[in-house]
Amino acid sequence: LKMPKMEVSTLEAIYLSQYSPLDGLEVLDLRKNYISDEGLEAISQSPHFSQLHELDLRNNGITRIGMKRLAESQSLSCLVKLDLRLNKLGKRWEDKLRETGNFPVLNDLKIG
């Protein structure tokens, strides 16, 4: 599902995370939107996104608050590629996410 630059808001990201027809989705591209920390939290906790392999959240106003929720995620263990560039994050989040053990197949991580 590719939705770049569609002005997706936090509430719309929350709605997407609850939308059961997205079960089994493997690619989610929400770059250049407005999902913020609350939208990231909803996505990272959603059982509907448990099969995601690629998640692109570049330029979405995400801060360390959202990253803490993402790091706690038990639903995104299939992620292979995660792009969080152009948010309000430091490179140290790369190590923090890897250290959680919640992303065992994540090999393409871009932050900062």
N, C-alpha and C. Protein backbone atom coordinates (compact mmCIF):
# COMPACT_ATOMS: atom_id res chain seq x y z
N LEU A 1 0.86 -1.17 0.00
CA LEU A 1 0.00 0.00 0.00
C LEU A 1 0.90 1.23 0.00
N LYS A 2 0.82 2.00 -1.06
CA LYS A 2 1.68 3.17 -1.19
C LYS A 2 0.82 4.43 -1.11
N MET A 3 1.10 5.23 -0.07
CA MET A 3 0.34 6.45 0.17
C MET A 3 1.25 7.63 0.49
N PRO A 4 2.29 7.86 -0.30
CA PRO A 4 3.16 9.00 0.00
C PRO A 4 2.49 10.33 -0.34
N LYS A 5 2.79 11.35 0.44
CA LYS A 5 2.32 12.72 0.21
C LYS A 5 0.81 12.80 0.02
N MET A 6 0.06 12.08 0.85
CA MET A 6 -1.40 12.12 0.75
C MET A 6 -2.03 12.81 1.95
N GLU A 7 -1.22 13.51 2.73
CA GLU A 7 -1.69 14.24 3.91
C GLU A 7 -2.40 13.33 4.91
N VAL A 8 -1.89 12.10 5.05
CA VAL A 8 -2.44 11.16 6.02
C VAL A 8 -2.16 11.70 7.42
N SER A 9 -3.20 11.85 8.21
CA SER A 9 -3.08 12.40 9.55
C SER A 9 -2.90 11.29 10.59
N THR A 10 -2.69 11.71 11.82
CA THR A 10 -2.59 10.76 12.93
C THR A 10 -3.84 9.90 13.01
N LEU A 11 -5.01 10.54 12.96
CA LEU A 11 -6.27 9.79 13.06
C LEU A 11 -6.44 8.81 11.92
N GLU A 12 -6.03 9.20 10.73
CA GLU A 12 -6.14 8.29 9.59
C GLU A 12 -5.17 7.11 9.72
N ALA A 13 -4.00 7.35 10.27
CA ALA A 13 -3.05 6.26 10.52
C ALA A 13 -3.62 5.29 11.55
N ILE A 14 -4.27 5.82 12.57
CA ILE A 14 -4.91 4.97 13.57
C ILE A 14 -6.01 4.15 12.92
N TYR A 15 -6.80 4.78 12.07
CA TYR A 15 -7.85 4.05 11.34
C TYR A 15 -7.25 2.93 10.49
N LEU A 16 -6.19 3.23 9.75
CA LEU A 16 -5.54 2.20 8.93
C LEU A 16 -5.09 1.02 9.78
N SER A 17 -4.59 1.30 10.97
CA SER A 17 -4.08 0.23 11.83
C SER A 17 -5.20 -0.67 12.36
N GLN A 18 -6.45 -0.22 12.26
CA GLN A 18 -7.59 -0.99 12.74
C GLN A 18 -8.40 -1.61 11.59
N TYR A 19 -7.94 -1.40 10.36
CA TYR A 19 -8.69 -1.81 9.17
C TYR A 19 -8.32 -3.25 8.80
N SER A 20 -9.18 -4.19 9.15
CA SER A 20 -8.88 -5.61 8.99
C SER A 20 -8.62 -6.07 7.55
N PRO A 21 -9.17 -5.44 6.51
CA PRO A 21 -8.82 -5.88 5.15
C PRO A 21 -7.32 -5.72 4.82
N LEU A 22 -6.56 -5.03 5.68
CA LEU A 22 -5.12 -4.89 5.45
C LEU A 22 -4.32 -6.05 6.05
N ASP A 23 -5.01 -7.04 6.61
CA ASP A 23 -4.31 -8.24 7.11
C ASP A 23 -3.44 -8.82 6.00
N GLY A 24 -2.21 -9.13 6.33
CA GLY A 24 -1.31 -9.74 5.35
C GLY A 24 -0.56 -8.74 4.49
N LEU A 25 -0.79 -7.45 4.70
CA LEU A 25 -0.09 -6.42 3.94
C LEU A 25 1.42 -6.55 4.17
N GLU A 26 2.21 -6.46 3.09
CA GLU A 26 3.66 -6.63 3.21
C GLU A 26 4.44 -5.34 3.05
N VAL A 27 3.86 -4.33 2.37
CA VAL A 27 4.55 -3.06 2.14
C VAL A 27 3.61 -1.92 2.51
N LEU A 28 4.10 -1.01 3.36
CA LEU A 28 3.33 0.17 3.73
C LEU A 28 4.24 1.39 3.58
N ASP A 29 3.87 2.27 2.67
CA ASP A 29 4.64 3.48 2.38
C ASP A 29 3.79 4.69 2.75
N LEU A 30 4.14 5.32 3.87
CA LEU A 30 3.43 6.51 4.34
C LEU A 30 4.36 7.71 4.43
N ARG A 31 5.39 7.75 3.60
CA ARG A 31 6.34 8.85 3.68
C ARG A 31 5.68 10.18 3.32
N LYS A 32 6.22 11.23 3.93
CA LYS A 32 5.76 12.61 3.71
C LYS A 32 4.28 12.80 4.04
N ASN A 33 3.91 12.34 5.23
CA ASN A 33 2.56 12.54 5.74
C ASN A 33 2.66 13.16 7.13
N TYR A 34 1.62 13.00 7.92
CA TYR A 34 1.55 13.65 9.23
C TYR A 34 1.11 12.66 10.31
N ILE A 35 1.67 11.45 10.30
CA ILE A 35 1.15 10.44 11.23
C ILE A 35 1.60 10.68 12.67
N SER A 36 2.74 11.27 12.89
CA SER A 36 3.30 11.62 14.22
C SER A 36 3.48 10.39 15.11
N ASP A 37 3.78 10.63 16.37
CA ASP A 37 4.07 9.56 17.32
C ASP A 37 2.87 8.65 17.56
N GLU A 38 1.69 9.25 17.65
CA GLU A 38 0.49 8.46 17.92
C GLU A 38 0.16 7.53 16.76
N GLY A 39 0.37 8.00 15.55
CA GLY A 39 0.15 7.14 14.38
C GLY A 39 1.14 5.99 14.32
N LEU A 40 2.40 6.29 14.66
CA LEU A 40 3.41 5.23 14.70
C LEU A 40 3.07 4.21 15.77
N GLU A 41 2.61 4.67 16.91
CA GLU A 41 2.22 3.74 17.98
C GLU A 41 1.11 2.80 17.50
N ALA A 42 0.10 3.36 16.85
CA ALA A 42 -1.01 2.53 16.36
C ALA A 42 -0.53 1.50 15.34
N ILE A 43 0.32 1.93 14.43
CA ILE A 43 0.85 1.02 13.41
C ILE A 43 1.69 -0.07 14.06
N SER A 44 2.53 0.31 15.00
CA SER A 44 3.46 -0.66 15.59
C SER A 44 2.76 -1.66 16.51
N GLN A 45 1.56 -1.37 16.96
CA GLN A 45 0.82 -2.28 17.83
C GLN A 45 -0.28 -3.05 17.10
N SER A 46 -0.47 -2.77 15.82
CA SER A 46 -1.58 -3.36 15.08
C SER A 46 -1.33 -4.81 14.68
N PRO A 47 -2.25 -5.70 15.00
CA PRO A 47 -2.12 -7.08 14.54
C PRO A 47 -2.30 -7.21 13.02
N HIS A 48 -2.93 -6.22 12.41
CA HIS A 48 -3.16 -6.26 10.96
C HIS A 48 -1.88 -6.05 10.16
N PHE A 49 -0.85 -5.52 10.81
CA PHE A 49 0.42 -5.27 10.11
C PHE A 49 1.50 -6.27 10.52
N SER A 50 1.10 -7.41 11.03
CA SER A 50 2.07 -8.40 11.51
C SER A 50 2.88 -9.05 10.39
N GLN A 51 2.44 -8.90 9.14
CA GLN A 51 3.17 -9.47 8.01
C GLN A 51 3.97 -8.44 7.23
N LEU A 52 4.03 -7.20 7.74
CA LEU A 52 4.77 -6.15 7.04
C LEU A 52 6.24 -6.50 6.89
N HIS A 53 6.75 -6.36 5.67
CA HIS A 53 8.17 -6.55 5.40
C HIS A 53 8.87 -5.22 5.22
N GLU A 54 8.13 -4.23 4.67
CA GLU A 54 8.71 -2.91 4.40
C GLU A 54 7.79 -1.83 4.95
N LEU A 55 8.39 -0.91 5.71
CA LEU A 55 7.64 0.21 6.28
C LEU A 55 8.45 1.49 6.05
N ASP A 56 7.85 2.42 5.32
CA ASP A 56 8.51 3.69 5.01
C ASP A 56 7.75 4.81 5.69
N LEU A 57 8.37 5.41 6.69
CA LEU A 57 7.75 6.49 7.46
C LEU A 57 8.60 7.75 7.45
N ARG A 58 9.32 7.97 6.36
CA ARG A 58 10.13 9.18 6.25
C ARG A 58 9.26 10.42 6.36
N ASN A 59 9.80 11.43 7.05
CA ASN A 59 9.18 12.75 7.09
C ASN A 59 7.74 12.72 7.60
N ASN A 60 7.57 12.28 8.85
CA ASN A 60 6.25 12.17 9.45
C ASN A 60 6.16 12.81 10.83
N GLY A 61 7.15 13.58 11.24
CA GLY A 61 7.10 14.25 12.54
C GLY A 61 7.24 13.30 13.72
N ILE A 62 7.93 12.19 13.53
CA ILE A 62 8.10 11.19 14.58
C ILE A 62 9.27 11.60 15.48
N THR A 63 9.06 11.45 16.78
CA THR A 63 10.08 11.79 17.78
C THR A 63 10.43 10.55 18.60
N ARG A 64 11.24 10.75 19.63
CA ARG A 64 11.65 9.64 20.49
C ARG A 64 10.47 8.99 21.18
N ILE A 65 9.39 9.72 21.38
CA ILE A 65 8.20 9.15 22.02
C ILE A 65 7.61 8.03 21.16
N GLY A 66 7.47 8.30 19.87
CA GLY A 66 7.00 7.27 18.96
C GLY A 66 7.96 6.11 18.84
N MET A 67 9.24 6.43 18.87
CA MET A 67 10.25 5.37 18.76
C MET A 67 10.24 4.44 19.96
N LYS A 68 9.93 4.97 21.13
CA LYS A 68 9.82 4.11 22.31
C LYS A 68 8.70 3.10 22.12
N ARG A 69 7.59 3.54 21.57
CA ARG A 69 6.46 2.63 21.31
C ARG A 69 6.82 1.61 20.24
N LEU A 70 7.51 2.07 19.20
CA LEU A 70 7.94 1.16 18.14
C LEU A 70 8.89 0.10 18.71
N ALA A 71 9.81 0.50 19.55
CA ALA A 71 10.77 -0.43 20.13
C ALA A 71 10.07 -1.52 20.95
N GLU A 72 8.91 -1.21 21.52
CA GLU A 72 8.15 -2.17 22.32
C GLU A 72 7.28 -3.08 21.48
N SER A 73 7.20 -2.84 20.19
CA SER A 73 6.28 -3.56 19.31
C SER A 73 6.57 -5.06 19.28
N GLN A 74 5.52 -5.82 19.42
CA GLN A 74 5.58 -7.27 19.25
C GLN A 74 4.93 -7.68 17.94
N SER A 75 4.41 -6.71 17.19
CA SER A 75 3.63 -6.99 15.98
C SER A 75 4.42 -6.87 14.68
N LEU A 76 5.60 -6.27 14.72
CA LEU A 76 6.33 -6.00 13.48
C LEU A 76 7.59 -6.86 13.34
N SER A 77 7.53 -8.07 13.80
CA SER A 77 8.71 -8.94 13.80
C SER A 77 9.12 -9.40 12.40
N CYS A 78 8.28 -9.21 11.39
CA CYS A 78 8.61 -9.60 10.01
C CYS A 78 9.28 -8.48 9.23
N LEU A 79 9.44 -7.30 9.85
CA LEU A 79 10.04 -6.17 9.13
C LEU A 79 11.46 -6.49 8.67
N VAL A 80 11.70 -6.27 7.39
CA VAL A 80 13.03 -6.43 6.80
C VAL A 80 13.62 -5.05 6.52
N LYS A 81 12.74 -4.12 6.15
CA LYS A 81 13.17 -2.77 5.75
C LYS A 81 12.33 -1.74 6.48
N LEU A 82 13.02 -0.79 7.14
CA LEU A 82 12.36 0.29 7.87
C LEU A 82 13.10 1.59 7.60
N ASP A 83 12.37 2.59 7.11
CA ASP A 83 12.98 3.88 6.80
C ASP A 83 12.30 4.97 7.62
N LEU A 84 13.07 5.59 8.50
CA LEU A 84 12.56 6.64 9.38
C LEU A 84 13.36 7.94 9.22
N ARG A 85 14.00 8.11 8.08
CA ARG A 85 14.78 9.34 7.86
C ARG A 85 13.85 10.55 7.82
N LEU A 86 14.43 11.71 8.04
CA LEU A 86 13.74 13.00 7.99
C LEU A 86 12.67 13.15 9.06
N ASN A 87 12.87 12.46 10.17
CA ASN A 87 12.05 12.66 11.36
C ASN A 87 12.94 13.31 12.42
N LYS A 88 12.44 13.47 13.60
CA LYS A 88 13.20 14.14 14.66
C LYS A 88 13.90 13.10 15.53
N LEU A 89 14.82 12.35 14.90
CA LEU A 89 15.46 11.21 15.56
C LEU A 89 16.96 11.24 15.36
N GLY A 90 17.67 10.67 16.31
CA GLY A 90 19.12 10.52 16.19
C GLY A 90 19.47 9.11 15.73
N LYS A 91 20.68 8.96 15.22
CA LYS A 91 21.16 7.68 14.72
C LYS A 91 21.20 6.59 15.79
N ARG A 92 21.29 6.98 17.06
CA ARG A 92 21.39 5.98 18.12
C ARG A 92 20.17 5.07 18.19
N TRP A 93 19.05 5.50 17.58
CA TRP A 93 17.86 4.66 17.57
C TRP A 93 18.07 3.38 16.76
N GLU A 94 19.00 3.40 15.81
CA GLU A 94 19.30 2.18 15.06
C GLU A 94 19.73 1.07 16.02
N ASP A 95 20.68 1.38 16.89
CA ASP A 95 21.15 0.40 17.86
C ASP A 95 20.05 0.01 18.85
N LYS A 96 19.31 1.00 19.30
CA LYS A 96 18.26 0.73 20.29
C LYS A 96 17.21 -0.24 19.74
N LEU A 97 16.80 -0.03 18.48
CA LEU A 97 15.81 -0.94 17.89
C LEU A 97 16.36 -2.34 17.73
N ARG A 98 17.59 -2.44 17.28
CA ARG A 98 18.20 -3.76 17.09
C ARG A 98 18.37 -4.50 18.42
N GLU A 99 18.69 -3.77 19.47
CA GLU A 99 18.92 -4.37 20.78
C GLU A 99 17.66 -4.94 21.42
N THR A 100 16.48 -4.50 20.99
CA THR A 100 15.24 -4.99 21.59
C THR A 100 15.00 -6.47 21.29
N GLY A 101 15.49 -6.94 20.16
CA GLY A 101 15.22 -8.31 19.74
C GLY A 101 13.85 -8.48 19.12
N ASN A 102 13.08 -7.40 18.99
CA ASN A 102 11.72 -7.47 18.44
C ASN A 102 11.69 -7.43 16.91
N PHE A 103 12.85 -7.24 16.30
CA PHE A 103 12.92 -7.12 14.84
C PHE A 103 14.02 -8.06 14.32
N PRO A 104 13.81 -9.36 14.42
CA PRO A 104 14.88 -10.33 14.13
C PRO A 104 15.37 -10.37 12.69
N VAL A 105 14.55 -9.98 11.72
CA VAL A 105 14.98 -10.04 10.32
C VAL A 105 15.23 -8.67 9.70
N LEU A 106 15.17 -7.64 10.52
CA LEU A 106 15.39 -6.28 10.05
C LEU A 106 16.87 -6.11 9.62
N ASN A 107 17.07 -5.90 8.34
CA ASN A 107 18.46 -5.73 7.87
C ASN A 107 18.68 -4.42 7.11
N ASP A 108 17.62 -3.69 6.82
CA ASP A 108 17.75 -2.41 6.12
C ASP A 108 17.02 -1.36 6.97
N LEU A 109 17.78 -0.71 7.85
CA LEU A 109 17.23 0.28 8.77
C LEU A 109 17.90 1.62 8.51
N LYS A 110 17.07 2.63 8.24
CA LYS A 110 17.59 3.97 7.98
C LYS A 110 16.92 4.96 8.92
N ILE A 111 17.75 5.64 9.72
CA ILE A 111 17.27 6.65 10.67
C ILE A 111 18.25 7.82 10.62
N GLY A 112 17.71 9.00 10.76
CA GLY A 112 18.58 10.16 10.86
C GLY A 112 18.85 10.86 9.56
